Amino acid sequence: MITAGDILKEKNAEMVCIAPDHSVFDAVSLMVTRKIGAVLVKEDERFVGIWTERDLLKSSAAPGFDAAATRIGDVMTRKLHTVDVDTSLIRLEEMFLGLFIRHLPVEKDGQIIGMISIGDVLRTSLLEKDRKIKELNSMASWQYYENWGWTGKK
């Protein structure tokens, strides 16, 4: 069974965080540089929220929005949906679809150790399906049927 921890290990990516007193412009610059769609917001040693591309869209539609003056702490999503490192691939798919989110922080022993995206989960799911199809195809090859022992004699 593939888990969130397996996906995180395969992803091998550093967790990217920003402080809530940084500007939206700082966060956008960081996300563009790192080619990511979300950052965790960390104050002192505690995670206090997440800021995503969707949060940028919502903020930028507000009258008088100024990316350089607006602080991440004022526009971030405060409710963090997290998953345990042992959460199964199918459960992750259900969470992304059911919660309408694109990023999930992964916890181990109550501590956030990384973040996975819906893209990470989709990639893993497709690779797993491909692996299973190849496995089934190898089982159902001509040799498999030839070695059944049926000789055609009565």
Foldseek 3Di string as FASTA:
>chain_A
DDFQLNLCVVVVDDAAEAEQQAFQVVVVVVCVVVVHFKHFYDDPHDTFFMAGPVLVVVQVVDPPRDRRPHTNNVRTGRDAAAEERGHDLVVVQCCCVVVVDFKHFYDYPRDGDHMDGPVSSVVVVVVVVVVVVVVVCVCPDPVNVVPPPDDVDD
